N, C-alpha and C. Protein backbone atom coordinates (compact mmCIF):
# COMPACT_ATOMS: atom_id res chain seq x y z
N UNK A 1 -28.96 48.75 -32.55
CA UNK A 1 -29.81 48.75 -31.37
C UNK A 1 -31.20 48.30 -31.78
N UNK A 2 -31.77 47.42 -31.00
CA UNK A 2 -33.07 46.85 -31.33
C UNK A 2 -34.19 47.70 -30.74
N UNK A 3 -35.24 47.90 -31.52
CA UNK A 3 -36.40 48.65 -31.06
C UNK A 3 -37.22 47.77 -30.13
N UNK A 4 -37.46 48.24 -28.91
CA UNK A 4 -38.23 47.46 -27.94
C UNK A 4 -39.70 47.78 -27.99
N UNK A 5 -40.09 48.77 -28.78
CA UNK A 5 -41.48 49.13 -28.88
C UNK A 5 -41.96 50.01 -27.73
N UNK A 6 -41.07 50.44 -26.90
CA UNK A 6 -41.43 51.25 -25.74
C UNK A 6 -40.88 52.65 -25.92
N UNK A 7 -41.64 53.64 -25.47
CA UNK A 7 -41.19 55.02 -25.57
C UNK A 7 -39.99 55.24 -24.65
N UNK A 8 -40.09 54.74 -23.43
CA UNK A 8 -39.00 54.85 -22.46
C UNK A 8 -38.53 53.44 -22.15
N UNK A 9 -37.26 53.15 -22.35
CA UNK A 9 -36.77 51.81 -22.06
C UNK A 9 -36.98 51.43 -20.60
N UNK A 10 -37.21 50.16 -20.36
CA UNK A 10 -37.51 49.66 -19.02
C UNK A 10 -36.40 49.99 -18.04
N UNK A 11 -35.15 49.94 -18.47
CA UNK A 11 -34.07 50.16 -17.51
C UNK A 11 -34.06 51.58 -16.97
N UNK A 12 -34.47 52.57 -17.75
CA UNK A 12 -34.51 53.94 -17.22
C UNK A 12 -35.63 54.10 -16.20
N UNK A 13 -36.76 53.50 -16.46
CA UNK A 13 -37.85 53.53 -15.49
C UNK A 13 -37.44 52.77 -14.24
N UNK A 14 -36.80 51.63 -14.43
CA UNK A 14 -36.33 50.83 -13.29
C UNK A 14 -35.31 51.55 -12.45
N UNK A 15 -34.39 52.27 -13.08
CA UNK A 15 -33.40 53.03 -12.33
C UNK A 15 -34.06 54.15 -11.53
N UNK A 16 -35.03 54.82 -12.14
CA UNK A 16 -35.76 55.87 -11.43
C UNK A 16 -36.53 55.31 -10.25
N UNK A 17 -37.19 54.18 -10.46
CA UNK A 17 -37.93 53.53 -9.39
C UNK A 17 -36.99 53.08 -8.27
N UNK A 18 -35.86 52.49 -8.65
CA UNK A 18 -34.89 52.04 -7.65
C UNK A 18 -34.35 53.22 -6.85
N UNK A 19 -34.10 54.33 -7.51
CA UNK A 19 -33.62 55.53 -6.81
C UNK A 19 -34.67 56.05 -5.84
N UNK A 20 -35.94 56.04 -6.26
CA UNK A 20 -37.03 56.48 -5.39
C UNK A 20 -37.13 55.60 -4.15
N UNK A 21 -37.08 54.29 -4.32
CA UNK A 21 -37.21 53.37 -3.20
C UNK A 21 -35.98 53.45 -2.30
N UNK A 22 -34.80 53.52 -2.88
CA UNK A 22 -33.58 53.62 -2.07
C UNK A 22 -33.56 54.92 -1.27
N UNK A 23 -33.96 56.00 -1.89
CA UNK A 23 -34.02 57.29 -1.19
C UNK A 23 -35.02 57.23 -0.05
N UNK A 24 -36.17 56.62 -0.29
CA UNK A 24 -37.17 56.46 0.76
C UNK A 24 -36.64 55.62 1.92
N UNK A 25 -35.91 54.56 1.60
CA UNK A 25 -35.31 53.73 2.65
C UNK A 25 -34.29 54.48 3.47
N UNK A 26 -33.47 55.29 2.81
CA UNK A 26 -32.46 56.09 3.53
C UNK A 26 -33.13 57.13 4.41
N UNK A 27 -34.15 57.80 3.88
CA UNK A 27 -34.86 58.81 4.67
C UNK A 27 -35.54 58.16 5.87
N UNK A 28 -36.16 56.99 5.67
CA UNK A 28 -36.80 56.28 6.77
C UNK A 28 -35.80 55.88 7.84
N UNK A 29 -34.60 55.50 7.42
CA UNK A 29 -33.55 55.12 8.38
C UNK A 29 -33.06 56.33 9.15
N UNK A 30 -32.83 57.43 8.45
CA UNK A 30 -32.31 58.63 9.10
C UNK A 30 -33.33 59.23 10.06
N UNK A 31 -34.60 59.30 9.64
CA UNK A 31 -35.63 59.93 10.47
C UNK A 31 -36.09 59.06 11.62
N UNK A 32 -36.25 57.76 11.39
CA UNK A 32 -36.85 56.91 12.41
C UNK A 32 -36.00 55.71 12.80
N UNK A 33 -34.81 55.57 12.21
CA UNK A 33 -33.97 54.43 12.52
C UNK A 33 -34.54 53.12 12.02
N UNK A 34 -35.33 53.17 10.93
CA UNK A 34 -35.97 51.98 10.39
C UNK A 34 -35.00 51.17 9.54
N UNK A 35 -34.37 50.18 10.16
CA UNK A 35 -33.42 49.33 9.44
C UNK A 35 -34.12 48.51 8.36
N UNK A 36 -35.33 47.93 8.60
CA UNK A 36 -35.99 47.19 7.51
C UNK A 36 -36.28 48.06 6.29
N UNK A 37 -36.62 49.31 6.49
CA UNK A 37 -36.87 50.21 5.36
C UNK A 37 -35.62 50.45 4.55
N UNK A 38 -34.50 50.62 5.23
CA UNK A 38 -33.24 50.83 4.53
C UNK A 38 -32.85 49.57 3.78
N UNK A 39 -33.04 48.42 4.43
CA UNK A 39 -32.70 47.15 3.78
C UNK A 39 -33.57 46.88 2.57
N UNK A 40 -34.86 47.16 2.69
CA UNK A 40 -35.76 46.95 1.56
C UNK A 40 -35.41 47.89 0.42
N UNK A 41 -35.11 49.14 0.74
CA UNK A 41 -34.71 50.09 -0.29
C UNK A 41 -33.46 49.65 -1.02
N UNK A 42 -32.51 49.14 -0.26
CA UNK A 42 -31.26 48.66 -0.85
C UNK A 42 -31.51 47.42 -1.71
N UNK A 43 -32.31 46.49 -1.22
CA UNK A 43 -32.60 45.26 -1.96
C UNK A 43 -33.33 45.55 -3.26
N UNK A 44 -34.33 46.41 -3.20
CA UNK A 44 -35.09 46.74 -4.41
C UNK A 44 -34.21 47.47 -5.41
N UNK A 45 -33.36 48.37 -4.92
CA UNK A 45 -32.49 49.10 -5.84
C UNK A 45 -31.50 48.17 -6.53
N UNK A 46 -31.07 47.11 -5.86
CA UNK A 46 -30.18 46.14 -6.49
C UNK A 46 -30.92 45.23 -7.47
N UNK A 47 -32.21 45.06 -7.25
CA UNK A 47 -32.99 44.12 -8.06
C UNK A 47 -33.18 44.58 -9.49
N UNK A 48 -33.04 45.88 -9.75
CA UNK A 48 -33.35 46.37 -11.09
C UNK A 48 -32.14 46.31 -11.99
N UNK A 49 -32.07 45.20 -12.66
CA UNK A 49 -31.04 44.93 -13.64
C UNK A 49 -31.71 44.19 -14.79
N UNK A 50 -31.23 44.36 -16.00
CA UNK A 50 -31.84 43.62 -17.11
C UNK A 50 -31.78 42.11 -16.94
N UNK A 51 -30.88 41.62 -16.09
CA UNK A 51 -30.70 40.20 -15.89
C UNK A 51 -31.64 39.62 -14.83
N UNK A 52 -32.27 40.47 -14.05
CA UNK A 52 -33.09 40.01 -12.94
C UNK A 52 -34.54 40.46 -13.08
N UNK A 53 -35.13 40.25 -14.23
CA UNK A 53 -36.48 40.73 -14.49
C UNK A 53 -37.48 40.05 -13.55
N UNK A 54 -37.38 38.76 -13.37
CA UNK A 54 -38.32 38.05 -12.49
C UNK A 54 -38.17 38.52 -11.05
N UNK A 55 -36.95 38.69 -10.61
CA UNK A 55 -36.70 39.15 -9.24
C UNK A 55 -37.19 40.58 -9.04
N UNK A 56 -36.99 41.42 -10.03
CA UNK A 56 -37.43 42.81 -9.90
C UNK A 56 -38.95 42.90 -9.87
N UNK A 57 -39.63 42.07 -10.64
CA UNK A 57 -41.09 42.11 -10.59
C UNK A 57 -41.60 41.53 -9.27
N UNK A 58 -40.93 40.54 -8.72
CA UNK A 58 -41.33 39.97 -7.43
C UNK A 58 -41.12 40.98 -6.30
N UNK A 59 -39.99 41.67 -6.31
CA UNK A 59 -39.74 42.66 -5.25
C UNK A 59 -40.70 43.84 -5.38
N UNK A 60 -40.99 44.26 -6.60
CA UNK A 60 -41.93 45.35 -6.79
C UNK A 60 -43.33 44.95 -6.33
N UNK A 61 -43.73 43.75 -6.65
CA UNK A 61 -45.03 43.26 -6.23
C UNK A 61 -45.15 43.15 -4.72
N UNK A 62 -44.10 42.66 -4.10
CA UNK A 62 -44.09 42.56 -2.64
C UNK A 62 -44.15 43.93 -2.00
N UNK A 63 -43.35 44.85 -2.51
CA UNK A 63 -43.34 46.20 -1.97
C UNK A 63 -44.69 46.89 -2.20
N UNK A 64 -45.32 46.63 -3.34
CA UNK A 64 -46.65 47.20 -3.59
C UNK A 64 -47.65 46.68 -2.57
N UNK A 65 -47.58 45.40 -2.26
CA UNK A 65 -48.48 44.81 -1.28
C UNK A 65 -48.27 45.36 0.12
N UNK A 66 -47.01 45.40 0.55
CA UNK A 66 -46.70 45.88 1.90
C UNK A 66 -47.06 47.35 2.06
N UNK A 67 -46.62 48.16 1.11
CA UNK A 67 -46.89 49.60 1.22
C UNK A 67 -48.36 49.91 0.95
N UNK A 68 -49.01 49.09 0.13
CA UNK A 68 -50.44 49.26 -0.09
C UNK A 68 -51.23 49.03 1.19
N UNK A 69 -50.84 48.02 1.96
CA UNK A 69 -51.50 47.77 3.25
C UNK A 69 -51.23 48.91 4.23
N UNK A 70 -50.01 49.42 4.24
CA UNK A 70 -49.70 50.56 5.12
C UNK A 70 -50.52 51.78 4.73
N UNK A 71 -50.65 52.01 3.44
CA UNK A 71 -51.46 53.13 2.97
C UNK A 71 -52.93 52.94 3.34
N UNK A 72 -53.42 51.72 3.19
CA UNK A 72 -54.81 51.42 3.52
C UNK A 72 -55.09 51.69 5.00
N UNK A 73 -54.17 51.27 5.86
CA UNK A 73 -54.39 51.44 7.30
C UNK A 73 -54.12 52.85 7.80
N UNK A 74 -53.17 53.53 7.20
CA UNK A 74 -52.82 54.87 7.69
C UNK A 74 -53.55 55.98 6.95
N UNK A 75 -53.87 55.76 5.68
CA UNK A 75 -54.50 56.79 4.87
C UNK A 75 -53.54 57.89 4.45
N UNK A 76 -52.25 57.73 4.75
CA UNK A 76 -51.25 58.74 4.40
C UNK A 76 -50.63 58.40 3.05
N UNK A 77 -50.68 59.38 2.16
CA UNK A 77 -50.09 59.16 0.84
C UNK A 77 -48.57 59.07 0.90
N UNK A 78 -47.96 59.88 1.75
CA UNK A 78 -46.50 59.88 1.85
C UNK A 78 -46.07 59.09 3.07
N UNK A 79 -45.21 58.16 2.94
CA UNK A 79 -44.60 57.60 1.74
C UNK A 79 -45.33 56.38 1.20
N UNK A 80 -46.22 55.80 2.02
CA UNK A 80 -46.79 54.50 1.67
C UNK A 80 -47.56 54.52 0.36
N UNK A 81 -48.42 55.50 0.15
CA UNK A 81 -49.22 55.56 -1.06
C UNK A 81 -48.37 55.79 -2.30
N UNK A 82 -47.38 56.64 -2.17
CA UNK A 82 -46.49 56.92 -3.30
C UNK A 82 -45.72 55.67 -3.72
N UNK A 83 -45.15 54.99 -2.76
CA UNK A 83 -44.36 53.79 -3.07
C UNK A 83 -45.27 52.67 -3.58
N UNK A 84 -46.46 52.52 -2.99
CA UNK A 84 -47.40 51.50 -3.47
C UNK A 84 -47.79 51.77 -4.91
N UNK A 85 -48.11 53.01 -5.23
CA UNK A 85 -48.48 53.36 -6.60
C UNK A 85 -47.34 53.17 -7.58
N UNK A 86 -46.15 53.62 -7.20
CA UNK A 86 -44.98 53.46 -8.07
C UNK A 86 -44.65 51.99 -8.26
N UNK A 87 -44.82 51.19 -7.22
CA UNK A 87 -44.55 49.76 -7.32
C UNK A 87 -45.54 49.07 -8.24
N UNK A 88 -46.81 49.45 -8.14
CA UNK A 88 -47.81 48.87 -9.04
C UNK A 88 -47.51 49.23 -10.49
N UNK A 89 -47.13 50.47 -10.73
CA UNK A 89 -46.76 50.88 -12.09
C UNK A 89 -45.55 50.11 -12.59
N UNK A 90 -44.59 49.86 -11.69
CA UNK A 90 -43.39 49.13 -12.09
C UNK A 90 -43.72 47.68 -12.42
N UNK A 91 -44.58 47.06 -11.63
CA UNK A 91 -45.00 45.69 -11.92
C UNK A 91 -45.69 45.64 -13.29
N UNK A 92 -46.55 46.61 -13.55
CA UNK A 92 -47.24 46.66 -14.84
C UNK A 92 -46.24 46.85 -15.99
N UNK A 93 -45.28 47.74 -15.81
CA UNK A 93 -44.29 48.00 -16.86
C UNK A 93 -43.44 46.77 -17.13
N UNK A 94 -43.01 46.09 -16.08
CA UNK A 94 -42.20 44.88 -16.26
C UNK A 94 -43.04 43.80 -16.94
N UNK A 95 -44.29 43.66 -16.52
CA UNK A 95 -45.16 42.66 -17.13
C UNK A 95 -45.39 42.91 -18.60
N UNK A 96 -45.67 44.13 -18.96
CA UNK A 96 -45.90 44.48 -20.36
C UNK A 96 -44.63 44.24 -21.17
N UNK A 97 -43.49 44.63 -20.63
CA UNK A 97 -42.24 44.43 -21.40
C UNK A 97 -41.90 42.96 -21.54
N UNK A 98 -42.27 42.14 -20.55
CA UNK A 98 -41.99 40.70 -20.65
C UNK A 98 -42.85 40.06 -21.75
N UNK A 99 -44.11 40.50 -21.87
CA UNK A 99 -44.99 39.95 -22.88
C UNK A 99 -44.70 40.47 -24.27
N UNK A 100 -44.09 41.63 -24.37
CA UNK A 100 -43.80 42.23 -25.68
C UNK A 100 -42.46 41.84 -26.25
N UNK A 101 -41.61 41.24 -25.47
CA UNK A 101 -40.28 40.90 -25.99
C UNK A 101 -40.37 39.66 -26.87
N UNK A 102 -39.47 39.55 -27.83
CA UNK A 102 -39.50 38.37 -28.72
C UNK A 102 -39.17 37.11 -27.94
N UNK A 103 -39.82 36.02 -28.32
CA UNK A 103 -39.63 34.74 -27.61
C UNK A 103 -38.67 33.87 -28.35
């Protein structure tokens, strides 16, 4: 097994992030019938695979932007602020791991 230089491997963080977003999408669908939220949660949860690093960073960045704007306009931390913050952290983690991997 190769040392990636990371304390927590990217895939475990990605799986946790995907579970958070998928759970949020399901809760949004159940509580308010928000089909786009469920779809986004499903899409982001599928995006986190070691083979789709570019796609996962793009979806995380998009979700950070969308939820960041919702947080800015509503001022409510739950769920918009939480997802925006987690998405920003995920983009940073993917970016750092992409730059640290051997070329």
